[in-house]
Protein backbone atom coordinates (compact mmCIF):
# COMPACT_ATOMS: atom_id res chain seq x y z
CA MET A 1 23.33 -9.96 14.84
CA GLU A 2 21.94 -6.75 12.95
CA LYS A 3 20.55 -6.83 9.18
CA LEU A 4 22.10 -4.05 7.27
CA SER A 5 22.08 -2.46 3.97
CA VAL A 6 25.15 -1.73 2.28
CA ALA A 7 24.57 2.26 2.75
CA GLN A 8 24.08 1.62 6.71
CA ALA A 9 27.02 -0.67 6.86
CA ARG A 10 29.67 1.53 4.84
CA GLN A 11 29.32 4.44 7.79
CA GLU A 12 32.09 4.40 10.18
CA ALA A 13 28.91 4.31 13.03
CA SER A 14 28.70 0.85 12.00
CA ILE A 15 32.33 -0.24 13.10
CA GLY A 16 32.13 -3.62 15.77
CA LYS A 17 29.42 -4.58 15.08
CA GLN A 18 27.97 -7.87 14.09
CA ALA A 19 25.80 -8.15 11.02
CA CYS A 20 24.43 -9.21 7.74
CA LEU A 21 24.60 -7.83 4.22
CA GLN A 22 23.32 -9.43 1.74
CA GLY A 23 23.44 -8.13 -2.00
CA TRP A 24 24.56 -9.01 -5.43
CA VAL A 25 28.46 -10.12 -6.15
CA ARG A 26 30.51 -6.87 -8.42
CA THR A 27 33.49 -8.15 -8.31
CA ARG A 28 35.77 -10.67 -6.38
CA ARG A 29 39.27 -11.23 -7.01
CA ASP A 30 41.51 -14.03 -4.67
CA SER A 31 44.20 -13.22 -2.13
CA LYS A 32 47.42 -15.54 -2.55
CA ALA A 33 47.47 -15.36 1.08
CA GLY A 34 44.46 -17.81 1.29
CA PHE A 35 41.51 -15.33 1.17
CA SER A 36 39.06 -13.48 -1.06
CA PHE A 37 37.52 -10.10 -2.00
CA ILE A 38 34.21 -9.84 -2.68
CA GLU A 39 32.20 -6.04 -3.30
CA ILE A 40 28.50 -6.62 -2.76
CA ASN A 41 26.01 -3.80 -3.76
CA ASP A 42 22.53 -3.72 -2.66
CA GLY A 43 20.86 -0.75 -4.51
CA SER A 44 20.63 1.23 -1.05
CA SER A 45 23.85 3.52 -2.09
CA GLN A 46 26.13 4.26 -5.34
CA GLY A 47 29.14 2.49 -3.70
CA ASN A 48 29.66 -1.03 -2.68
CA ILE A 49 31.28 -2.49 0.37
CA GLN A 50 34.10 -4.94 0.07
CA ILE A 51 33.48 -8.32 1.66
CA ILE A 52 37.10 -10.75 3.53
CA ALA A 53 36.29 -14.08 3.17
CA ASP A 54 38.98 -16.53 4.14
CA ALA A 55 39.49 -19.97 3.23
CA ASN A 56 38.58 -21.61 6.17
CA LEU A 57 35.17 -21.02 5.89
CA GLU A 58 33.36 -24.29 4.93
CA ASN A 59 32.16 -23.30 1.19
CA TYR A 60 35.46 -21.35 0.11
CA GLU A 61 36.58 -23.89 -2.41
CA SER A 62 33.11 -25.02 -3.91
CA GLU A 63 31.21 -21.56 -3.92
CA ILE A 64 33.26 -18.73 -2.45
CA LYS A 65 35.78 -18.97 -5.01
CA ASN A 66 33.54 -19.62 -8.24
CA LEU A 67 31.45 -16.40 -7.24
CA THR A 68 31.24 -13.70 -10.61
CA ALA A 69 29.17 -10.76 -11.29
CA GLY A 70 25.36 -11.31 -10.35
CA CYS A 71 25.41 -13.88 -8.08
CA SER A 72 23.41 -13.04 -5.32
CA ILE A 73 24.87 -13.89 -1.63
CA SER A 74 24.24 -13.14 2.03
CA ALA A 75 27.62 -12.48 4.45
CA ILE A 76 27.72 -12.58 8.23
CA GLY A 77 30.50 -11.19 10.16
CA GLU A 78 32.05 -8.19 11.77
CA LEU A 79 32.71 -4.98 10.28
CA LYS A 80 36.03 -3.16 11.08
CA ALA A 81 37.79 0.11 9.32
CA SER A 82 38.67 -0.47 6.27
CA GLY A 83 42.51 -0.04 5.06
CA GLY A 84 41.32 0.08 1.40
CA LYS A 85 41.14 3.29 -0.47
CA GLY A 86 37.71 4.85 -0.58
CA GLN A 87 35.57 2.78 1.55
CA SER A 88 35.77 3.23 5.49
CA THR A 89 34.57 -0.37 6.19
CA GLU A 90 34.60 -3.56 5.12
CA LEU A 91 33.25 -7.00 6.33
CA HIS A 92 35.19 -10.06 7.84
CA ALA A 93 33.07 -12.97 7.08
CA SER A 94 32.49 -15.67 9.47
CA GLN A 95 29.71 -17.16 6.84
CA VAL A 96 28.85 -16.85 3.10
CA THR A 97 25.65 -18.02 1.74
CA VAL A 98 25.08 -18.04 -2.07
CA HIS A 99 21.24 -17.63 -3.11
CA GLY A 100 22.01 -17.19 -6.64
CA TRP A 101 24.49 -17.78 -9.29
CA ALA A 102 25.21 -16.01 -12.40
CA ASP A 103 26.16 -17.84 -15.58
CA PRO A 104 29.41 -15.36 -16.73
CA ASP A 105 28.97 -16.65 -20.38
CA THR A 106 25.79 -15.29 -20.78
CA TYR A 107 25.21 -12.73 -17.32
CA PRO A 108 25.29 -9.59 -19.99
CA LEU A 109 26.23 -6.69 -17.38
CA GLN A 110 29.78 -7.94 -17.15
CA LYS A 111 33.19 -5.32 -17.19
CA LYS A 112 32.48 -4.44 -20.26
CA ARG A 113 30.84 -1.19 -20.49
CA HIS A 114 27.42 -0.97 -22.47
CA SER A 115 25.64 2.14 -23.71
CA PHE A 116 22.52 3.03 -22.38
CA GLU A 117 20.68 2.58 -25.52
CA LYS A 118 22.21 -1.03 -25.40
CA LEU A 119 21.07 -1.74 -21.65
CA ARG A 120 17.28 -0.30 -22.65
CA GLU A 121 17.33 -3.93 -24.06
CA TRP A 122 17.89 -5.02 -20.77
CA ALA A 123 15.51 -3.19 -18.85
CA HIS A 124 15.43 -5.75 -16.07
CA LEU A 125 18.80 -5.67 -15.46
CA ARG A 126 20.15 -2.01 -15.47
CA PRO A 127 18.93 -1.09 -12.44
CA ARG A 128 21.80 -3.31 -11.09
CA THR A 129 24.26 -0.39 -12.97
CA ASN A 130 25.76 2.28 -10.96
CA THR A 131 24.21 4.93 -13.13
CA PHE A 132 20.51 2.92 -13.84
CA GLY A 133 20.88 2.61 -9.75
CA ALA A 134 21.55 6.33 -9.36
CA VAL A 135 18.59 7.61 -11.39
CA ALA A 136 16.73 5.50 -9.09
CA ARG A 137 17.39 6.50 -6.12
CA VAL A 138 17.11 10.12 -7.44
CA ARG A 139 13.60 9.26 -8.90
CA ASN A 140 12.54 8.00 -5.26
CA CYS A 141 14.03 11.19 -3.80
CA ILE A 142 12.51 13.72 -5.87
CA CYS A 143 9.07 11.70 -5.41
CA ASN A 144 9.02 11.78 -1.96
CA SER A 145 9.91 15.20 -2.26
CA ILE A 146 7.04 16.13 -4.41
CA HIS A 147 4.54 14.61 -1.40
CA GLN A 148 6.32 16.53 1.04
CA PHE A 149 6.19 20.04 -0.49
CA PHE A 150 2.54 19.69 -1.40
CA GLN A 151 1.47 18.08 2.04
CA GLU A 152 3.80 20.73 3.91
CA ASP A 153 1.51 23.43 2.20
CA GLY A 154 -1.54 21.69 2.74
CA PHE A 155 -2.64 20.13 -0.20
CA LEU A 156 -4.77 17.34 -0.57
CA TYR A 157 -3.58 14.47 -2.65
CA VAL A 158 -6.29 13.58 -5.10
CA HIS A 159 -6.39 10.84 -7.68
CA THR A 160 -7.58 11.25 -10.97
CA PRO A 161 -9.23 8.80 -13.62
CA VAL A 162 -7.25 7.18 -15.68
CA ILE A 163 -10.01 6.63 -18.28
CA THR A 164 -11.53 9.56 -19.37
CA ALA A 165 -13.77 10.59 -22.23
CA SER A 166 -12.45 14.36 -22.11
CA ASP A 167 -9.26 15.53 -24.32
CA CYS A 168 -7.59 17.98 -21.78
CA GLU A 169 -5.29 19.22 -24.23
CA GLY A 170 -7.44 19.14 -27.56
CA ALA A 171 -4.15 17.26 -29.60
CA GLY A 172 -6.53 14.35 -30.48
CA GLU A 173 -2.87 12.13 -29.82
CA MET A 174 -4.96 9.65 -26.68
CA PHE A 175 -4.70 5.91 -26.75
CA GLN A 176 -8.06 4.51 -27.03
CA VAL A 177 -9.35 2.01 -24.69
CA THR A 178 -12.40 -0.39 -26.05
CA THR A 179 -13.68 -4.10 -24.82
CA MET A 180 -15.02 -4.34 -29.18
CA ASP A 181 -13.34 -7.54 -30.17
CA LEU A 182 -11.21 -5.24 -32.73
CA GLU A 183 -10.25 -8.34 -34.77
CA HIS A 184 -13.81 -8.78 -35.52
CA VAL A 185 -14.25 -5.03 -36.44
CA ALA A 186 -11.05 -5.24 -38.99
CA LYS A 187 -12.52 -8.51 -40.57
CA ASN A 188 -15.58 -6.69 -41.12
CA THR A 189 -16.17 -3.44 -43.04
CA ILE A 190 -18.37 -1.19 -41.12
CA GLU A 191 -18.86 2.77 -41.85
CA ARG A 192 -19.35 3.55 -38.13
CA LEU A 193 -18.96 1.96 -34.54
CA ASP A 194 -21.92 1.69 -32.53
CA TYR A 195 -20.07 2.60 -29.11
CA GLN A 196 -23.37 0.80 -27.19
CA PHE A 197 -21.47 -2.29 -27.46
CA ASP A 198 -18.81 -0.89 -26.08
CA PHE A 199 -17.80 -0.93 -21.97
CA PHE A 200 -18.77 2.65 -21.32
CA ASP A 201 -21.00 3.29 -24.28
CA ARG A 202 -18.75 6.11 -25.73
CA PRO A 203 -15.29 6.61 -27.31
CA SER A 204 -13.04 6.37 -24.09
CA PHE A 205 -9.38 7.24 -23.77
CA LEU A 206 -5.85 6.58 -21.56
CA THR A 207 -5.65 10.06 -19.85
CA VAL A 208 -3.49 13.06 -21.24
CA SER A 209 -4.30 14.70 -17.85
CA GLY A 210 -5.16 14.72 -14.84
CA GLN A 211 -6.37 18.87 -14.59
CA LEU A 212 -9.90 19.34 -15.60
CA GLU A 213 -10.56 16.62 -12.82
CA ALA A 214 -8.53 18.21 -10.11
CA GLU A 215 -9.81 21.82 -10.92
CA THR A 216 -13.35 20.27 -9.50
CA TYR A 217 -11.64 18.92 -6.21
CA ALA A 218 -9.89 22.42 -6.03
CA CYS A 219 -13.44 24.44 -6.30
CA ALA A 220 -14.22 22.30 -3.22
CA LEU A 221 -11.38 21.77 -0.73
CA GLY A 222 -9.65 24.37 -1.72
CA LYS A 223 -5.35 23.41 -2.69
CA VAL A 224 -4.86 19.60 -3.90
CA TYR A 225 -2.29 18.07 -6.13
CA THR A 226 -2.66 14.86 -8.48
CA PHE A 227 0.53 12.44 -9.27
CA GLY A 228 -0.18 9.91 -11.43
CA PRO A 229 0.42 8.35 -14.54
CA THR A 230 -0.57 10.01 -17.64
CA PHE A 231 -0.33 8.72 -22.01
CA ARG A 232 0.44 10.47 -24.81
CA ALA A 233 -0.34 8.64 -28.32
CA GLU A 234 2.41 10.86 -30.14
CA ASN A 235 4.56 9.21 -32.68
CA SER A 236 7.54 10.80 -31.74
CA ASN A 237 11.10 9.05 -31.16
CA THR A 238 12.96 11.66 -29.89
CA SER A 239 14.95 11.77 -26.50
CA ARG A 240 12.10 13.75 -25.07
CA HIS A 241 8.94 11.75 -25.58
CA LEU A 242 7.20 8.51 -24.03
CA ALA A 243 4.01 7.47 -24.62
CA GLU A 244 3.55 7.02 -20.77
CA PHE A 245 4.89 9.10 -18.44
CA TRP A 246 3.78 10.20 -14.76
CA MET A 247 2.54 13.81 -14.25
CA ILE A 248 2.64 16.37 -11.20
CA GLU A 249 -0.68 18.86 -11.44
CA PRO A 250 -1.18 21.50 -8.28
CA GLU A 251 -4.29 22.72 -8.71
CA MET A 252 -5.20 26.41 -6.10
CA ALA A 253 -8.51 27.62 -5.86
CA PHE A 254 -8.48 31.56 -5.43
CA CYS A 255 -5.07 31.30 -6.70
CA GLU A 256 -4.45 34.16 -9.83
CA LEU A 257 -1.46 33.50 -12.52
CA SER A 258 1.29 35.43 -9.77
CA GLU A 259 0.86 33.14 -6.88
CA ASN A 260 0.84 30.36 -9.44
CA MET A 261 4.48 31.37 -10.50
CA ASP A 262 5.51 31.56 -6.79
CA LEU A 263 4.50 28.28 -6.09
CA ALA A 264 6.45 26.77 -9.38
CA GLU A 265 9.52 28.44 -8.36
CA ALA A 266 9.18 27.07 -4.85
CA PHE A 267 8.47 23.88 -5.52
CA LEU A 268 11.56 23.21 -8.39
CA LYS A 269 14.06 25.06 -5.52
CA ARG A 270 12.31 22.28 -2.95
CA VAL A 271 13.00 19.54 -5.05
CA PHE A 272 16.57 20.51 -6.50
CA GLY A 273 17.62 21.06 -3.07
CA ASP A 274 16.46 17.48 -1.38
CA ALA A 275 18.17 15.60 -4.48
CA MET A 276 21.62 17.43 -3.73
CA GLU A 277 21.12 16.75 0.13
CA LYS A 278 19.69 13.53 0.08
CA CYS A 279 21.34 11.48 -2.66
CA ALA A 280 24.83 14.02 -2.43
CA GLU A 281 26.60 10.67 -3.72
CA ASP A 282 24.44 10.02 -6.54
CA MET A 283 24.50 13.02 -7.37
CA GLU A 284 28.37 13.12 -7.47
CA PHE A 285 28.46 10.61 -9.57
CA PHE A 286 26.31 12.51 -12.12
CA ASN A 287 28.30 15.16 -12.00
CA LEU A 288 31.36 13.31 -12.65
CA ARG A 289 30.07 11.10 -15.34
CA ILE A 290 26.98 12.18 -16.82
CA ASP A 291 26.88 15.90 -16.82
CA THR A 292 30.21 17.55 -15.50
CA THR A 293 27.78 20.90 -15.48
CA LEU A 294 24.99 19.59 -12.95
CA LEU A 295 25.72 20.51 -9.57
CA GLU A 296 26.81 23.81 -10.92
CA THR A 297 23.48 24.26 -12.63
CA LEU A 298 21.27 23.52 -9.82
CA ASN A 299 23.32 25.22 -7.37
CA GLY A 300 22.47 28.17 -9.81
CA ILE A 301 18.96 27.94 -9.96
CA MET A 302 18.71 27.37 -6.27
CA SER A 303 20.38 30.63 -5.64
CA SER A 304 18.42 32.78 -8.48
CA ASP A 305 15.45 34.90 -8.46
CA PHE A 306 13.57 33.82 -11.53
CA VAL A 307 12.96 36.53 -14.35
CA ARG A 308 9.03 37.18 -15.25
CA LEU A 309 8.88 37.67 -18.46
CA PRO A 310 5.69 38.39 -20.96
CA TYR A 311 5.68 36.48 -24.09
CA THR A 312 5.82 39.37 -26.22
CA GLU A 313 8.77 41.05 -24.64
CA ALA A 314 10.84 37.90 -24.99
CA VAL A 315 9.87 37.45 -28.70
CA GLU A 316 11.51 40.97 -29.12
CA ILE A 317 14.37 40.32 -27.43
CA LEU A 318 14.61 37.11 -29.54
CA GLU A 319 14.13 39.04 -32.35
CA GLN A 320 16.48 41.58 -31.63
CA CYS A 321 19.36 39.52 -29.92
CA GLY A 322 20.69 39.33 -33.68
CA GLU A 323 21.37 34.96 -32.88
CA SER A 324 20.73 32.73 -35.99
CA PHE A 325 18.12 30.64 -34.78
CA GLU A 326 16.77 27.14 -36.59
CA TYR A 327 13.25 28.16 -36.34
CA PRO A 328 12.44 31.75 -37.15
CA VAL A 329 10.71 33.92 -34.38
CA GLN A 330 7.56 35.96 -34.66
CA TRP A 331 4.58 37.15 -32.35
CA GLY A 332 1.89 34.22 -32.72
CA VAL A 333 4.07 30.92 -32.45
CA ASP A 334 5.17 28.80 -29.76
CA LEU A 335 8.92 29.30 -28.96
CA GLN A 336 11.29 26.14 -29.27
CA SER A 337 14.04 24.83 -27.30
CA GLU A 338 16.39 26.73 -29.07
CA HIS A 339 14.67 30.41 -27.88
CA GLU A 340 14.05 28.85 -24.08
CA ARG A 341 17.55 28.29 -23.65
CA PHE A 342 18.69 31.65 -25.42
CA LEU A 343 16.74 33.50 -22.86
CA THR A 344 17.79 31.21 -20.35
CA GLU A 345 21.35 30.89 -21.02
CA THR A 346 22.08 33.99 -22.81
CA HIS A 347 20.07 36.52 -22.09
CA PHE A 348 19.20 36.50 -18.29
CA LYS A 349 21.49 33.90 -17.11
CA SER A 350 18.91 32.18 -14.55
CA PRO A 351 15.62 30.46 -15.19
CA VAL A 352 12.72 32.10 -16.76
CA ILE A 353 8.75 32.63 -16.38
CA LEU A 354 7.12 33.41 -19.33
CA TYR A 355 3.69 34.11 -19.21
CA ASP A 356 0.45 35.81 -21.21
CA TYR A 357 1.11 33.76 -24.02
CA PRO A 358 -0.98 34.40 -27.51
CA LYS A 359 -4.44 32.27 -26.76
CA ILE A 360 -4.28 31.07 -30.65
CA ILE A 361 -1.59 28.71 -29.15
CA LYS A 362 -3.10 27.75 -26.01
CA PRO A 363 -5.67 25.34 -24.56
CA PHE A 364 -9.11 26.36 -24.41
CA TYR A 365 -9.41 26.68 -19.91
CA MET A 366 -6.60 29.40 -19.78
CA TYR A 367 -7.70 32.64 -18.39
CA CYS A 368 -8.53 35.31 -21.30
CA ASN A 369 -7.23 38.80 -20.78
CA ASP A 370 -8.51 42.22 -21.45
CA ASP A 371 -6.60 42.61 -24.62
CA GLU A 372 -8.22 39.49 -25.89
CA LYS A 373 -4.56 38.31 -27.79
CA THR A 374 -3.24 36.66 -24.63
CA VAL A 375 -4.32 34.33 -21.69
CA ARG A 376 -2.56 34.21 -18.67
CA GLY A 377 -0.65 31.15 -19.07
CA MET A 378 2.77 30.21 -17.93
CA ASP A 379 5.78 28.09 -18.30
CA VAL A 380 8.89 28.09 -16.16
CA LEU A 381 11.99 27.81 -18.30
CA VAL A 382 15.58 26.88 -17.06
CA PRO A 383 18.51 26.10 -18.39
CA LYS A 384 19.80 23.15 -21.20
CA ILE A 385 16.30 21.91 -21.53
CA GLY A 386 13.94 24.96 -21.68
CA GLU A 387 10.56 24.40 -20.59
CA ILE A 388 10.08 22.50 -17.52
CA ILE A 389 6.52 23.61 -16.33
CA GLY A 390 3.93 24.61 -18.16
CA GLY A 391 0.90 26.28 -16.03
CA SER A 392 -1.91 28.99 -15.94
CA GLN A 393 -4.83 30.61 -14.39
CA ARG A 394 -7.75 28.83 -15.36
CA GLU A 395 -10.97 30.80 -17.31
CA HIS A 396 -13.66 30.64 -14.77
CA ARG A 397 -16.10 32.92 -16.37
CA LEU A 398 -18.85 30.59 -18.26
CA ASP A 399 -19.47 33.00 -21.20
CA VAL A 400 -15.92 33.62 -21.80
CA LEU A 401 -15.02 29.87 -21.66
CA GLU A 402 -17.96 28.48 -23.84
CA GLN A 403 -16.76 31.18 -26.60
CA ARG A 404 -13.16 29.36 -26.01
CA MET A 405 -14.65 25.62 -26.19
CA THR A 406 -17.05 26.72 -29.35
CA GLU A 407 -13.31 28.61 -31.26
CA GLN A 408 -11.37 25.31 -30.44
CA ASP A 409 -14.56 23.02 -32.11
CA LEU A 410 -15.12 21.48 -28.74
CA VAL A 411 -18.38 19.64 -27.84
CA ILE A 412 -19.75 22.09 -24.55
CA ASP A 413 -22.28 19.70 -23.58
CA ASP A 414 -19.55 16.78 -23.30
CA TYR A 415 -18.01 18.99 -20.39
CA TRP A 416 -21.02 19.81 -18.54
CA TRP A 417 -19.32 19.06 -15.35
CA TYR A 418 -16.61 21.22 -16.11
CA THR A 419 -18.55 24.19 -16.72
CA ASP A 420 -21.12 23.73 -14.21
CA LEU A 421 -17.73 24.79 -11.78
CA ARG A 422 -18.58 28.11 -13.80
CA LYS A 423 -22.37 27.93 -12.61
CA TYR A 424 -22.07 27.44 -9.15
CA GLY A 425 -19.77 29.59 -6.90
CA THR A 426 -16.93 30.03 -9.66
CA VAL A 427 -13.61 31.41 -8.48
CA PRO A 428 -10.68 32.45 -9.38
CA HIS A 429 -8.04 29.10 -9.43
CA ALA A 430 -4.56 28.84 -11.42
CA GLY A 431 -2.05 25.59 -11.45
CA PHE A 432 0.55 23.65 -13.30
CA GLY A 433 1.73 20.39 -14.68
CA LEU A 434 5.26 19.26 -15.37
CA GLY A 435 6.15 15.40 -16.05
CA LEU A 436 8.09 13.77 -13.44
CA GLU A 437 10.65 11.97 -16.12
CA ARG A 438 11.37 15.64 -17.54
CA LEU A 439 12.15 16.60 -14.02
CA VAL A 440 14.41 13.39 -13.21
CA GLN A 441 16.24 14.19 -16.62
CA PHE A 442 17.00 17.38 -16.19
CA VAL A 443 17.98 16.46 -11.93
CA THR A 444 20.56 13.57 -13.47
CA GLY A 445 21.58 15.21 -16.51
CA MET A 446 20.55 12.22 -18.21
CA ALA A 447 20.71 12.78 -22.02
CA ASN A 448 17.48 10.50 -23.02
CA ILE A 449 14.12 10.20 -21.21
CA ARG A 450 14.10 6.89 -22.06
CA ASP A 451 16.55 6.36 -19.31
CA VAL A 452 14.85 7.79 -16.48
CA ILE A 453 11.65 5.41 -16.14
CA PRO A 454 12.26 2.03 -15.44
CA PHE A 455 10.50 0.85 -18.27
CA PRO A 456 10.16 2.85 -20.86
CA ARG A 457 6.89 2.88 -23.64
CA THR A 458 7.64 4.20 -27.01
CA PRO A 459 6.42 3.44 -30.00
CA GLY A 460 6.36 -0.01 -31.15
CA ASN A 461 8.22 -0.71 -27.91
CA ALA A 462 5.72 -2.47 -24.98
CA ASP A 463 8.01 -5.58 -24.40
CA PHE A 464 8.17 -5.70 -20.24
């Protein structure tokens, strides 16, 4: 007798096997002929498997006929070809063991359909639903694909710190980390905190990006990538923002912007392809239930050559297109999602990589072009959402870097280790970053980013 997952048991190759299946009951219905049909799911696949339990089983009357949605069971028996519609196999049980009951009067995941917003209140139970089980499997596939993509290309996986004293993006929206007694601080009026009493002797924060630290390893080991949690204390309740999310950030030494673009395009195509191949059943579900253009969009991206367009030319296109945008377009402003979507969905009908942005809207670490107005930054834009990847060639010239830091009111001495990279064997280098949740959201077609992370952290929400 072999223990199989539901995904394995649903394959025709499993017919004839004596198997043990375990999972959670989705439905049970009884036949007048003296047996019950029990459908279970164990999270290994979108589809359920049917178990046929005969009335002559010892616990048929006492337990099996009382099974309801949410109960957990093990079933032992023979897998046979099924005559039922939409299923290849079914298990004819010789034994059914009930592990845990679920009160049908209080168990929230009954036949009634709940909104995604309502299901966020039951984040501990929502993985049992079809949609969130599918999201979890696709997210897992994407994470595996990310690691495989970089590992196969000779990148080293590095772990950058979660606690930092530097603000990579300069936005100031960071969660502070402290061991000081905040209740005591609140009760005592003081003009200035004395950080000598704090754990790190200085203001410290949860990281917004591992990029700066990753650059140090790239400038020693060639090609590296980070993949870990990052945090933004942005008080936003939109469908695109989270306070805690995961970031993928590759960094490459001896690399310029054009190579960075090549890597970003290859990366997205690999991830999309793996999701459609390895999670085909789940992707069909999303295409049917969430976004009926999902597979068409992903296939279109995979077959496209990404357009590469300078920011200045993009602004000219937008100014002359005749469209009425909510946000006016002019050179020197950051493009909004509506502008990015017009470029990808209407004008070019393909993904677009914008580059050479005005330096006034970009961080200090981006390489300054000779025109002294633009930097070698890039954003990868895709249909439906706009920007999905942001990156740049990094500024490797010490004098220019320090000038940019001064312009943005950064204390250069606070970044002494970062400027050291420009003093000792500096090289052209580049990299990019993308949020895992934004990527999963795009691949699945899910409308709200809170529905593609197991436990979303948003303003006012850190319950569990």
